[in-house]
Amino acid sequence: MEINKKMTIEEIINVDNGIANILMASGMHCLGCVMASGENLEQACGVHGIDCDELVARINAHLSEKWGN
């Protein structure tokens, strides 16, 4: 499975818990906040000043390495 920037933080973490480490290393330290279930990744990246396309690529590379997709 690949993630995309329209998925919520909660949906993304449910794909693979290891993604939380990637998000936190990128500067997104509020994974447990209420917005994590209502805000999509693109919105969260905008708030935190993070390049969303780069983050999506990093997350999908992690998933590909882990699951061999």
N, C-alpha and C. Protein backbone atom coordinates (compact mmCIF):
# COMPACT_ATOMS: atom_id res chain seq x y z
N MET A 1 0.84 -1.18 0.00
CA MET A 1 0.00 0.00 0.00
C MET A 1 0.88 1.24 0.00
N GLU A 2 0.48 2.24 -0.73
CA GLU A 2 1.16 3.53 -0.72
C GLU A 2 0.28 4.55 -0.03
N ILE A 3 0.91 5.50 0.61
CA ILE A 3 0.15 6.58 1.22
C ILE A 3 0.15 7.76 0.25
N ASN A 4 -0.77 8.69 0.49
CA ASN A 4 -0.80 9.91 -0.30
C ASN A 4 -1.10 11.09 0.63
N LYS A 5 -0.90 12.29 0.10
CA LYS A 5 -1.00 13.48 0.94
C LYS A 5 -2.43 13.84 1.33
N LYS A 6 -3.42 13.17 0.79
CA LYS A 6 -4.81 13.43 1.16
C LYS A 6 -5.27 12.55 2.33
N MET A 7 -4.43 11.61 2.75
CA MET A 7 -4.75 10.74 3.89
C MET A 7 -4.50 11.50 5.19
N THR A 8 -5.28 11.18 6.21
CA THR A 8 -5.05 11.80 7.52
C THR A 8 -3.82 11.16 8.17
N ILE A 9 -3.27 11.87 9.14
CA ILE A 9 -2.14 11.34 9.90
C ILE A 9 -2.53 10.01 10.54
N GLU A 10 -3.71 9.96 11.09
CA GLU A 10 -4.20 8.73 11.73
C GLU A 10 -4.24 7.57 10.73
N GLU A 11 -4.76 7.80 9.54
CA GLU A 11 -4.83 6.76 8.52
C GLU A 11 -3.42 6.28 8.14
N ILE A 12 -2.50 7.22 8.02
CA ILE A 12 -1.14 6.89 7.62
C ILE A 12 -0.45 6.04 8.68
N ILE A 13 -0.58 6.42 9.93
CA ILE A 13 0.04 5.66 11.01
C ILE A 13 -0.58 4.27 11.13
N ASN A 14 -1.86 4.15 10.82
CA ASN A 14 -2.51 2.84 10.86
C ASN A 14 -1.99 1.90 9.78
N VAL A 15 -1.42 2.44 8.71
CA VAL A 15 -0.82 1.60 7.67
C VAL A 15 0.41 0.90 8.24
N ASP A 16 1.22 1.66 8.99
CA ASP A 16 2.45 1.10 9.57
C ASP A 16 2.90 2.01 10.71
N ASN A 17 3.01 1.48 11.89
CA ASN A 17 3.40 2.28 13.05
C ASN A 17 4.78 2.92 12.91
N GLY A 18 5.65 2.31 12.11
CA GLY A 18 6.99 2.85 11.90
C GLY A 18 6.98 4.22 11.23
N ILE A 19 5.88 4.56 10.58
CA ILE A 19 5.77 5.85 9.92
C ILE A 19 5.79 6.98 10.94
N ALA A 20 5.35 6.72 12.14
CA ALA A 20 5.35 7.74 13.19
C ALA A 20 6.76 8.29 13.40
N ASN A 21 7.76 7.43 13.37
CA ASN A 21 9.15 7.87 13.53
C ASN A 21 9.57 8.81 12.41
N ILE A 22 9.14 8.52 11.19
CA ILE A 22 9.47 9.37 10.04
C ILE A 22 8.81 10.73 10.19
N LEU A 23 7.55 10.73 10.60
CA LEU A 23 6.83 11.99 10.78
C LEU A 23 7.49 12.83 11.87
N MET A 24 7.83 12.20 12.98
CA MET A 24 8.44 12.94 14.08
C MET A 24 9.81 13.47 13.69
N ALA A 25 10.60 12.68 12.95
CA ALA A 25 11.92 13.13 12.51
C ALA A 25 11.81 14.29 11.54
N SER A 26 10.66 14.41 10.88
CA SER A 26 10.44 15.50 9.94
C SER A 26 9.99 16.78 10.62
N GLY A 27 9.69 16.70 11.91
CA GLY A 27 9.27 17.88 12.66
C GLY A 27 7.81 17.88 13.06
N MET A 28 7.13 16.79 12.80
CA MET A 28 5.72 16.67 13.15
C MET A 28 5.62 15.92 14.48
N HIS A 29 5.61 16.67 15.57
CA HIS A 29 5.66 16.08 16.91
C HIS A 29 4.29 15.96 17.57
N CYS A 30 3.24 16.28 16.85
CA CYS A 30 1.91 16.31 17.46
C CYS A 30 1.03 15.18 16.94
N LEU A 31 1.59 14.00 16.81
CA LEU A 31 0.86 12.88 16.21
C LEU A 31 -0.35 12.45 17.02
N GLY A 32 -0.35 12.72 18.29
CA GLY A 32 -1.47 12.32 19.14
C GLY A 32 -2.53 13.39 19.30
N CYS A 33 -2.33 14.55 18.68
CA CYS A 33 -3.30 15.63 18.87
C CYS A 33 -4.59 15.33 18.10
N VAL A 34 -5.63 16.02 18.44
CA VAL A 34 -6.94 15.79 17.84
C VAL A 34 -6.92 16.06 16.33
N MET A 35 -6.05 16.94 15.88
CA MET A 35 -5.99 17.26 14.44
C MET A 35 -5.46 16.08 13.63
N ALA A 36 -4.76 15.16 14.25
CA ALA A 36 -4.20 14.02 13.53
C ALA A 36 -5.28 13.17 12.89
N SER A 37 -6.47 13.22 13.43
CA SER A 37 -7.56 12.42 12.85
C SER A 37 -8.41 13.23 11.87
N GLY A 38 -8.25 14.55 11.86
CA GLY A 38 -9.09 15.36 10.99
C GLY A 38 -8.34 16.12 9.91
N GLU A 39 -7.04 16.21 10.04
CA GLU A 39 -6.22 16.98 9.11
C GLU A 39 -5.47 16.02 8.20
N ASN A 40 -5.44 16.30 6.89
CA ASN A 40 -4.69 15.40 6.03
C ASN A 40 -3.21 15.78 6.06
N LEU A 41 -2.39 14.93 5.48
CA LEU A 41 -0.94 15.12 5.54
C LEU A 41 -0.53 16.43 4.88
N GLU A 42 -1.15 16.76 3.78
CA GLU A 42 -0.82 18.00 3.08
C GLU A 42 -1.08 19.22 3.97
N GLN A 43 -2.19 19.22 4.67
CA GLN A 43 -2.52 20.32 5.58
C GLN A 43 -1.52 20.39 6.73
N ALA A 44 -1.21 19.24 7.31
CA ALA A 44 -0.27 19.20 8.43
C ALA A 44 1.11 19.67 8.00
N CYS A 45 1.54 19.27 6.82
CA CYS A 45 2.84 19.71 6.31
C CYS A 45 2.85 21.22 6.12
N GLY A 46 1.76 21.78 5.63
CA GLY A 46 1.66 23.22 5.46
C GLY A 46 1.81 23.96 6.77
N VAL A 47 1.17 23.46 7.81
CA VAL A 47 1.24 24.08 9.13
C VAL A 47 2.66 24.01 9.69
N HIS A 48 3.36 22.91 9.42
CA HIS A 48 4.68 22.69 9.99
C HIS A 48 5.82 23.11 9.06
N GLY A 49 5.49 23.61 7.87
CA GLY A 49 6.52 24.04 6.94
C GLY A 49 7.36 22.91 6.37
N ILE A 50 6.71 21.78 6.13
CA ILE A 50 7.39 20.57 5.64
C ILE A 50 7.02 20.35 4.18
N ASP A 51 8.00 19.96 3.36
CA ASP A 51 7.74 19.63 1.95
C ASP A 51 6.95 18.32 1.91
N CYS A 52 5.68 18.41 1.56
CA CYS A 52 4.78 17.24 1.62
C CYS A 52 5.17 16.17 0.61
N ASP A 53 5.51 16.57 -0.60
CA ASP A 53 5.86 15.57 -1.63
C ASP A 53 7.11 14.79 -1.23
N GLU A 54 8.07 15.47 -0.64
CA GLU A 54 9.28 14.80 -0.17
C GLU A 54 8.97 13.84 0.96
N LEU A 55 8.10 14.25 1.87
CA LEU A 55 7.73 13.39 2.99
C LEU A 55 6.96 12.16 2.51
N VAL A 56 6.04 12.35 1.58
CA VAL A 56 5.29 11.21 1.02
C VAL A 56 6.26 10.23 0.36
N ALA A 57 7.22 10.75 -0.38
CA ALA A 57 8.20 9.87 -1.04
C ALA A 57 9.01 9.09 -0.01
N ARG A 58 9.40 9.76 1.08
CA ARG A 58 10.17 9.09 2.14
C ARG A 58 9.35 7.99 2.81
N ILE A 59 8.09 8.29 3.08
CA ILE A 59 7.22 7.30 3.72
C ILE A 59 6.99 6.11 2.79
N ASN A 60 6.72 6.38 1.53
CA ASN A 60 6.48 5.28 0.59
C ASN A 60 7.74 4.45 0.34
N ALA A 61 8.91 5.08 0.40
CA ALA A 61 10.16 4.32 0.29
C ALA A 61 10.30 3.38 1.49
N HIS A 62 9.95 3.88 2.67
CA HIS A 62 9.98 3.05 3.89
C HIS A 62 9.05 1.84 3.72
N LEU A 63 7.84 2.10 3.23
CA LEU A 63 6.87 1.00 3.05
C LEU A 63 7.36 0.00 2.01
N SER A 64 7.96 0.52 0.96
CA SER A 64 8.47 -0.36 -0.11
C SER A 64 9.58 -1.26 0.42
N GLU A 65 10.47 -0.67 1.22
CA GLU A 65 11.56 -1.46 1.81
C GLU A 65 11.01 -2.52 2.77
N LYS A 66 10.03 -2.14 3.54
CA LYS A 66 9.48 -3.04 4.55
C LYS A 66 8.63 -4.15 3.93
N TRP A 67 7.80 -3.78 2.98
CA TRP A 67 6.84 -4.73 2.42
C TRP A 67 7.20 -5.24 1.05
N GLY A 68 8.26 -4.70 0.45
CA GLY A 68 8.72 -5.18 -0.84
C GLY A 68 7.81 -4.84 -2.01
N ASN A 69 7.12 -3.70 -1.93
CA ASN A 69 6.22 -3.30 -3.03
C ASN A 69 6.99 -2.59 -4.11
